[in-house]
Structures are given as structure tokens and as C-alpha cells.
PDB file of N, CA and C in Angstrom:
ATOM      1  N   MET A   1      58.007 164.916  70.232  1.00  0.00           N
ATOM      2  CA  MET A   1      57.792 163.699  70.974  1.00  0.00           C
ATOM      3  C   MET A   1      58.212 163.937  72.419  1.00  0.00           C
ATOM      4  N   THR A   2      57.406 163.475  73.309  1.00  0.00           N
ATOM      5  CA  THR A   2      57.736 163.640  74.725  1.00  0.00           C
ATOM      6  C   THR A   2      58.724 162.560  75.158  1.00  0.00           C
ATOM      7  N   PRO A   3      59.437 162.781  76.246  1.00  0.00           N
ATOM      8  CA  PRO A   3      60.338 161.731  76.750  1.00  0.00           C
ATOM      9  C   PRO A   3      59.602 160.426  77.071  1.00  0.00           C
ATOM     10  N   GLU A   4      58.362 160.535  77.521  1.00  0.00           N
ATOM     11  CA  GLU A   4      57.585 159.343  77.830  1.00  0.00           C
ATOM     12  C   GLU A   4      57.253 158.554  76.563  1.00  0.00           C
ATOM     13  N   GLU A   5      56.867 159.287  75.511  1.00  0.00           N
ATOM     14  CA  GLU A   5      56.576 158.623  74.242  1.00  0.00           C
ATOM     15  C   GLU A   5      57.833 157.957  73.681  1.00  0.00           C
ATOM     16  N   ASP A   6      58.952 158.647  73.764  1.00  0.00           N
ATOM     17  CA  ASP A   6      60.217 158.093  73.296  1.00  0.00           C
ATOM     18  C   ASP A   6      60.568 156.827  74.072  1.00  0.00           C
ATOM     19  N   ALA A   7      60.393 156.856  75.377  1.00  0.00           N
ATOM     20  CA  ALA A   7      60.684 155.688  76.211  1.00  0.00           C
ATOM     21  C   ALA A   7      59.781 154.510  75.851  1.00  0.00           C
ATOM     22  N   ALA A   8      58.507 154.783  75.580  1.00  0.00           N
ATOM     23  CA  ALA A   8      57.572 153.721  75.218  1.00  0.00           C
ATOM     24  C   ALA A   8      57.948 153.095  73.877  1.00  0.00           C
ATOM     25  N   ILE A   9      58.307 153.926  72.914  1.00  0.00           N
ATOM     26  CA  ILE A   9      58.719 153.423  71.598  1.00  0.00           C
ATOM     27  C   ILE A   9      59.995 152.596  71.723  1.00  0.00           C
ATOM     28  N   THR A  10      60.951 153.103  72.491  1.00  0.00           N
ATOM     29  CA  THR A  10      62.204 152.377  72.693  1.00  0.00           C
ATOM     30  C   THR A  10      61.953 151.037  73.377  1.00  0.00           C
ATOM     31  N   ALA A  11      61.098 151.009  74.385  1.00  0.00           N
ATOM     32  CA  ALA A  11      60.784 149.760  75.087  1.00  0.00           C
ATOM     33  C   ALA A  11      60.165 148.746  74.125  1.00  0.00           C
ATOM     34  N   ASP A  12      59.240 149.191  73.262  1.00  0.00           N
ATOM     35  CA  ASP A  12      58.638 148.287  72.276  1.00  0.00           C
ATOM     36  C   ASP A  12      59.684 147.780  71.289  1.00  0.00           C
ATOM     37  N   ALA A  13      60.562 148.657  70.840  1.00  0.00           N
ATOM     38  CA  ALA A  13      61.588 148.266  69.871  1.00  0.00           C
ATOM     39  C   ALA A  13      62.538 147.229  70.461  1.00  0.00           C
ATOM     40  N   LEU A  14      62.858 147.354  71.734  1.00  0.00           N
ATOM     41  CA  LEU A  14      63.770 146.410  72.373  1.00  0.00           C
ATOM     42  C   LEU A  14      63.176 145.005  72.454  1.00  0.00           C
ATOM     43  N   LEU A  15      61.849 144.881  72.386  1.00  0.00           N
ATOM     44  CA  LEU A  15      61.188 143.582  72.422  1.00  0.00           C
ATOM     45  C   LEU A  15      61.135 142.923  71.043  1.00  0.00           C
ATOM     46  N   ASP A  16      61.480 143.660  69.991  1.00  0.00           N
ATOM     47  CA  ASP A  16      61.402 143.158  68.620  1.00  0.00           C
ATOM     48  C   ASP A  16      62.752 142.574  68.207  1.00  0.00           C
ATOM     49  N   SER A  17      62.871 141.250  68.236  1.00  0.00           N
ATOM     50  CA  SER A  17      64.149 140.600  67.923  1.00  0.00           C
ATOM     51  C   SER A  17      64.540 140.743  66.454  1.00  0.00           C
ATOM     52  N   ASP A  18      63.585 141.043  65.573  1.00  0.00           N
ATOM     53  CA  ASP A  18      63.897 141.230  64.158  1.00  0.00           C
ATOM     54  C   ASP A  18      64.360 142.645  63.851  1.00  0.00           C
ATOM     55  N   ASN A  19      64.304 143.529  64.830  1.00  0.00           N
ATOM     56  CA  ASN A  19      64.652 144.920  64.602  1.00  0.00           C
ATOM     57  C   ASN A  19      65.431 145.449  65.795  1.00  0.00           C
ATOM     58  N   PRO A  20      66.677 144.976  65.973  1.00  0.00           N
ATOM     59  CA  PRO A  20      67.442 145.412  67.145  1.00  0.00           C
ATOM     60  C   PRO A  20      67.782 146.892  67.061  1.00  0.00           C
ATOM     61  N   PRO A  21      67.976 147.532  68.196  1.00  0.00           N
ATOM     62  CA  PRO A  21      68.311 148.958  68.172  1.00  0.00           C
ATOM     63  C   PRO A  21      69.690 149.195  67.554  1.00  0.00           C
ATOM     64  N   ILE A  22      69.858 150.361  66.990  1.00  0.00           N
ATOM     65  CA  ILE A  22      71.136 150.754  66.403  1.00  0.00           C
ATOM     66  C   ILE A  22      72.014 151.305  67.518  1.00  0.00           C
ATOM     67  N   GLU A  23      73.220 150.801  67.593  1.00  0.00           N
ATOM     68  CA  GLU A  23      74.154 151.273  68.611  1.00  0.00           C
ATOM     69  C   GLU A  23      74.506 152.738  68.355  1.00  0.00           C
ATOM     70  N   ASP A  24      74.791 153.493  69.417  1.00  0.00           N
ATOM     71  CA  ASP A  24      75.110 154.909  69.279  1.00  0.00           C
ATOM     72  C   ASP A  24      76.347 155.151  68.425  1.00  0.00           C
ATOM     73  N   ASP A  25      77.304 154.214  68.450  1.00  0.00           N
ATOM     74  CA  ASP A  25      78.535 154.403  67.685  1.00  0.00           C
ATOM     75  C   ASP A  25      78.505 153.690  66.331  1.00  0.00           C
ATOM     76  N   ALA A  26      77.307 153.270  65.884  1.00  0.00           N
ATOM     77  CA  ALA A  26      77.188 152.558  64.617  1.00  0.00           C
ATOM     78  C   ALA A  26      77.515 153.488  63.455  1.00  0.00           C
ATOM     79  N   CYS A  27      78.152 152.929  62.462  1.00  0.00           N
ATOM     80  CA  CYS A  27      78.466 153.670  61.237  1.00  0.00           C
ATOM     81  C   CYS A  27      77.390 153.312  60.213  1.00  0.00           C
ATOM     82  N   LEU A  28      76.507 154.231  59.934  1.00  0.00           N
ATOM     83  CA  LEU A  28      75.417 153.978  59.001  1.00  0.00           C
ATOM     84  C   LEU A  28      75.882 154.297  57.584  1.00  0.00           C
ATOM     85  N   MET A  29      75.607 153.381  56.682  1.00  0.00           N
ATOM     86  CA  MET A  29      76.024 153.540  55.293  1.00  0.00           C
ATOM     87  C   MET A  29      74.783 153.690  54.420  1.00  0.00           C
ATOM     88  N   PRO A  30      74.841 154.545  53.411  1.00  0.00           N
ATOM     89  CA  PRO A  30      73.701 154.650  52.508  1.00  0.00           C
ATOM     90  C   PRO A  30      73.588 153.386  51.658  1.00  0.00           C
ATOM     91  N   LEU A  31      72.376 153.079  51.237  1.00  0.00           N
ATOM     92  CA  LEU A  31      72.178 151.940  50.349  1.00  0.00           C
ATOM     93  C   LEU A  31      72.890 152.197  49.041  1.00  0.00           C
ATOM     94  N   ASP A  32      73.464 151.160  48.458  1.00  0.00           N
ATOM     95  CA  ASP A  32      74.151 151.328  47.188  1.00  0.00           C
ATOM     96  C   ASP A  32      73.222 151.085  46.008  1.00  0.00           C
ATOM     97  N   ARG A  33      71.928 151.034  46.295  1.00  0.00           N
ATOM     98  CA  ARG A  33      70.948 150.904  45.221  1.00  0.00           C
ATOM     99  C   ARG A  33      69.645 151.552  45.668  1.00  0.00           C
ATOM    100  N   PRO A  34      68.888 152.083  44.743  1.00  0.00           N
ATOM    101  CA  PRO A  34      67.613 152.708  45.105  1.00  0.00           C
ATOM    102  C   PRO A  34      66.554 151.654  45.427  1.00  0.00           C
ATOM    103  N   PHE A  35      65.572 152.042  46.236  1.00  0.00           N
ATOM    104  CA  PHE A  35      64.501 151.126  46.598  1.00  0.00           C
ATOM    105  C   PHE A  35      63.624 150.765  45.404  1.00  0.00           C
ATOM    106  N   ASP A  36      63.509 151.650  44.450  1.00  0.00           N
ATOM    107  CA  ASP A  36      62.572 151.433  43.351  1.00  0.00           C
ATOM    108  C   ASP A  36      63.192 150.679  42.179  1.00  0.00           C
ATOM    109  N   ARG A  37      64.249 149.921  42.401  1.00  0.00           N
ATOM    110  CA  ARG A  37      64.894 149.192  41.320  1.00  0.00           C
ATOM    111  C   ARG A  37      63.966 148.125  40.754  1.00  0.00           C
ATOM    112  N   ILE A  38      63.140 147.536  41.604  1.00  0.00           N
ATOM    113  CA  ILE A  38      62.155 146.571  41.134  1.00  0.00           C
ATOM    114  C   ILE A  38      60.851 147.316  40.925  1.00  0.00           C
ATOM    115  N   GLU A  39      60.363 147.266  39.702  1.00  0.00           N
ATOM    116  CA  GLU A  39      59.099 147.944  39.434  1.00  0.00           C
ATOM    117  C   GLU A  39      57.950 147.106  39.950  1.00  0.00           C
ATOM    118  N   GLY A  40      56.892 147.766  40.328  1.00  0.00           N
ATOM    119  CA  GLY A  40      55.707 147.062  40.776  1.00  0.00           C
ATOM    120  C   GLY A  40      55.321 147.472  42.178  1.00  0.00           C
ATOM    121  N   GLU A  41      54.258 146.857  42.620  1.00  0.00           N
ATOM    122  CA  GLU A  41      53.721 147.153  43.946  1.00  0.00           C
ATOM    123  C   GLU A  41      54.582 146.502  45.017  1.00  0.00           C
ATOM    124  N   GLN A  42      54.848 147.237  46.068  1.00  0.00           N
ATOM    125  CA  GLN A  42      55.587 146.669  47.191  1.00  0.00           C
ATOM    126  C   GLN A  42      54.615 145.914  48.070  1.00  0.00           C
ATOM    127  N   THR A  43      55.012 144.718  48.473  1.00  0.00           N
ATOM    128  CA  THR A  43      54.179 143.896  49.336  1.00  0.00           C
ATOM    129  C   THR A  43      55.079 143.116  50.285  1.00  0.00           C
ATOM    130  N   ASN A  44      54.509 142.564  51.305  1.00  0.00           N
ATOM    131  CA  ASN A  44      55.268 141.748  52.257  1.00  0.00           C
ATOM    132  C   ASN A  44      54.896 140.293  52.078  1.00  0.00           C
ATOM    133  N   VAL A  45      55.915 139.451  52.011  1.00  0.00           N
ATOM    134  CA  VAL A  45      55.724 138.007  51.897  1.00  0.00           C
ATOM    135  C   VAL A  45      56.630 137.352  52.926  1.00  0.00           C
ATOM    136  N   ARG A  46      56.113 136.413  53.670  1.00  0.00           N
ATOM    137  CA  ARG A  46      56.939 135.710  54.659  1.00  0.00           C
ATOM    138  C   ARG A  46      57.728 134.607  53.959  1.00  0.00           C
ATOM    139  N   VAL A  47      59.039 134.703  54.085  1.00  0.00           N
ATOM    140  CA  VAL A  47      59.943 133.700  53.533  1.00  0.00           C
ATOM    141  C   VAL A  47      60.880 133.317  54.660  1.00  0.00           C
ATOM    142  N   ASP A  48      61.153 132.019  54.818  1.00  0.00           N
ATOM    143  CA  ASP A  48      61.987 131.634  55.945  1.00  0.00           C
ATOM    144  C   ASP A  48      63.394 132.215  55.802  1.00  0.00           C
ATOM    145  N   ARG A  49      64.011 132.474  56.933  1.00  0.00           N
ATOM    146  CA  ARG A  49      65.298 133.164  57.007  1.00  0.00           C
ATOM    147  C   ARG A  49      66.383 132.438  56.211  1.00  0.00           C
ATOM    148  N   GLU A  50      66.417 131.108  56.283  1.00  0.00           N
ATOM    149  CA  GLU A  50      67.442 130.343  55.577  1.00  0.00           C
ATOM    150  C   GLU A  50      67.357 130.561  54.065  1.00  0.00           C
ATOM    151  N   THR A  51      66.135 130.588  53.533  1.00  0.00           N
ATOM    152  CA  THR A  51      65.957 130.802  52.097  1.00  0.00           C
ATOM    153  C   THR A  51      66.453 132.183  51.687  1.00  0.00           C
ATOM    154  N   VAL A  52      66.074 133.196  52.440  1.00  0.00           N
ATOM    155  CA  VAL A  52      66.512 134.561  52.125  1.00  0.00           C
ATOM    156  C   VAL A  52      68.036 134.654  52.201  1.00  0.00           C
ATOM    157  N   GLU A  53      68.628 134.071  53.225  1.00  0.00           N
ATOM    158  CA  GLU A  53      70.086 134.123  53.369  1.00  0.00           C
ATOM    159  C   GLU A  53      70.789 133.437  52.213  1.00  0.00           C
ATOM    160  N   ARG A  54      70.238 132.336  51.718  1.00  0.00           N
ATOM    161  CA  ARG A  54      70.849 131.654  50.568  1.00  0.00           C
ATOM    162  C   ARG A  54      70.830 132.553  49.345  1.00  0.00           C
ATOM    163  N   PHE A  55      69.712 133.253  49.117  1.00  0.00           N
ATOM    164  CA  PHE A  55      69.643 134.182  47.994  1.00  0.00           C
ATOM    165  C   PHE A  55      70.619 135.341  48.188  1.00  0.00           C
ATOM    166  N   ARG A  56      70.692 135.892  49.386  1.00  0.00           N
ATOM    167  CA  ARG A  56      71.590 137.017  49.659  1.00  0.00           C
ATOM    168  C   ARG A  56      73.051 136.636  49.438  1.00  0.00           C
ATOM    169  N   ARG A  57      73.426 135.435  49.870  1.00  0.00           N
ATOM    170  CA  ARG A  57      74.819 135.003  49.693  1.00  0.00           C
ATOM    171  C   ARG A  57      75.184 134.858  48.225  1.00  0.00           C
ATOM    172  N   ALA A  58      74.205 134.618  47.376  1.00  0.00           N
ATOM    173  CA  ALA A  58      74.465 134.413  45.951  1.00  0.00           C
ATOM    174  C   ALA A  58      74.611 135.722  45.172  1.00  0.00           C
ATOM    175  N   GLY A  59      74.369 136.876  45.800  1.00  0.00           N
ATOM    176  CA  GLY A  59      74.580 138.134  45.093  1.00  0.00           C
ATOM    177  C   GLY A  59      73.616 139.226  45.489  1.00  0.00           C
ATOM    178  N   ASP A  60      74.031 140.454  45.145  1.00  0.00           N
ATOM    179  CA  ASP A  60      73.252 141.637  45.511  1.00  0.00           C
ATOM    180  C   ASP A  60      71.904 141.723  44.809  1.00  0.00           C
ATOM    181  N   ASP A  61      71.729 140.976  43.731  1.00  0.00           N
ATOM    182  CA  ASP A  61      70.462 141.035  42.992  1.00  0.00           C
ATOM    183  C   ASP A  61      69.455 140.009  43.507  1.00  0.00           C
ATOM    184  N   TRP A  62      69.575 139.651  44.777  1.00  0.00           N
ATOM    185  CA  TRP A  62      68.753 138.579  45.332  1.00  0.00           C
ATOM    186  C   TRP A  62      67.263 138.851  45.236  1.00  0.00           C
ATOM    187  N   GLU A  63      66.845 140.091  45.407  1.00  0.00           N
ATOM    188  CA  GLU A  63      65.413 140.407  45.327  1.00  0.00           C
ATOM    189  C   GLU A  63      64.890 140.213  43.910  1.00  0.00           C
ATOM    190  N   GLU A  64      65.680 140.627  42.930  1.00  0.00           N
ATOM    191  CA  GLU A  64      65.276 140.457  41.537  1.00  0.00           C
ATOM    192  C   GLU A  64      65.172 138.978  41.177  1.00  0.00           C
ATOM    193  N   ARG A  65      66.102 138.167  41.699  1.00  0.00           N
ATOM    194  CA  ARG A  65      66.074 136.731  41.405  1.00  0.00           C
ATOM    195  C   ARG A  65      64.865 136.067  42.050  1.00  0.00           C
ATOM    196  N   ILE A  66      64.534 136.446  43.273  1.00  0.00           N
ATOM    197  CA  ILE A  66      63.333 135.893  43.910  1.00  0.00           C
ATOM    198  C   ILE A  66      62.101 136.285  43.105  1.00  0.00           C
ATOM    199  N   ASN A  67      62.038 137.532  42.677  1.00  0.00           N
ATOM    200  CA  ASN A  67      60.897 138.013  41.901  1.00  0.00           C
ATOM    201  C   ASN A  67      60.765 137.228  40.592  1.00  0.00           C
ATOM    202  N   ALA A  68      61.890 136.970  39.908  1.00  0.00           N
ATOM    203  CA  ALA A  68      61.863 136.223  38.650  1.00  0.00           C
ATOM    204  C   ALA A  68      61.373 134.791  38.868  1.00  0.00           C
ATOM    205  N   ILE A  69      61.829 134.163  39.952  1.00  0.00           N
ATOM    206  CA  ILE A  69      61.398 132.785  40.248  1.00  0.00           C
ATOM    207  C   ILE A  69      59.904 132.745  40.552  1.00  0.00           C
ATOM    208  N   LEU A  70      59.424 133.707  41.331  1.00  0.00           N
ATOM    209  CA  LEU A  70      57.992 133.760  41.647  1.00  0.00           C
ATOM    210  C   LEU A  70      57.159 134.022  40.395  1.00  0.00           C
ATOM    211  N   ARG A  71      57.646 134.914  39.526  1.00  0.00           N
ATOM    212  CA  ARG A  71      56.930 135.218  38.290  1.00  0.00           C
ATOM    213  C   ARG A  71      56.792 133.964  37.440  1.00  0.00           C
ATOM    214  N   GLU A  72      57.886 133.192  37.345  1.00  0.00           N
ATOM    215  CA  GLU A  72      57.856 131.964  36.535  1.00  0.00           C
ATOM    216  C   GLU A  72      56.949 130.896  37.159  1.00  0.00           C
ATOM    217  N   ALA A  73      56.914 130.817  38.471  1.00  0.00           N
ATOM    218  CA  ALA A  73      56.130 129.800  39.163  1.00  0.00           C
ATOM    219  C   ALA A  73      54.657 130.174  39.310  1.00  0.00           C
ATOM    220  N   ALA A  74      54.317 131.436  39.066  1.00  0.00           N
ATOM    221  CA  ALA A  74      52.925 131.876  39.228  1.00  0.00           C
ATOM    222  C   ALA A  74      52.019 131.158  38.241  1.00  0.00           C
ATOM    223  N   PRO A  75      50.812 130.817  38.679  1.00  0.00           N
ATOM    224  CA  PRO A  75      49.882 130.143  37.774  1.00  0.00           C
ATOM    225  C   PRO A  75      49.535 131.023  36.574  1.00  0.00           C
ATOM    226  N   ALA A  76      49.294 130.394  35.440  1.00  0.00           N
ATOM    227  CA  ALA A  76      48.895 131.140  34.241  1.00  0.00           C
ATOM    228  C   ALA A  76      47.523 131.753  34.473  1.00  0.00           C
ATOM    229  N   GLU A  77      47.302 132.867  33.797  1.00  0.00           N
ATOM    230  CA  GLU A  77      46.003 133.540  33.948  1.00  0.00           C
ATOM    231  C   GLU A  77      44.925 132.818  33.188  1.00  0.00           C
TER     232      GLU A  77
END
């Protein structure tokens, strides 16, 4: 990557409020769970921040709980 390309990527990243840059002195920790814990296709769904935060505060299994609620609420085939 050229310095110009790096600068352009950094400039774009700084404009993204949902993805702030990592500080140089940040202590990065590995995830304590694998990404593939939930079986199935990965997809993106927009959920408001307050809802996600409520699930996160209730425990580390928040993604599994959201998935279970969606599965139950899905229309029958």
C-alpha cells in the first residue's frame, strides 16, 4: 500500500462515526468466543442501538438470544 492510499483509507475511516480509529496505545484483546458459534448464514440487519445495548447488558449470549427471538417471531412456512 502506498502512503497516499493509506492516507485516503485513514481519512475515510475518520469520517465513520460507527468505526472510530484504534488508538496507538490501545490494548487489543482476543475474542473470548469464536465467530462461528451461531450456525447459519451471516447477514446484516439494522437494529437500533438502544435495543442492541439492552441485549448486551443482559449477557454475553446476546446474539443467540436475538436469533432465538427472531426465529420464534418468524412467520410459519
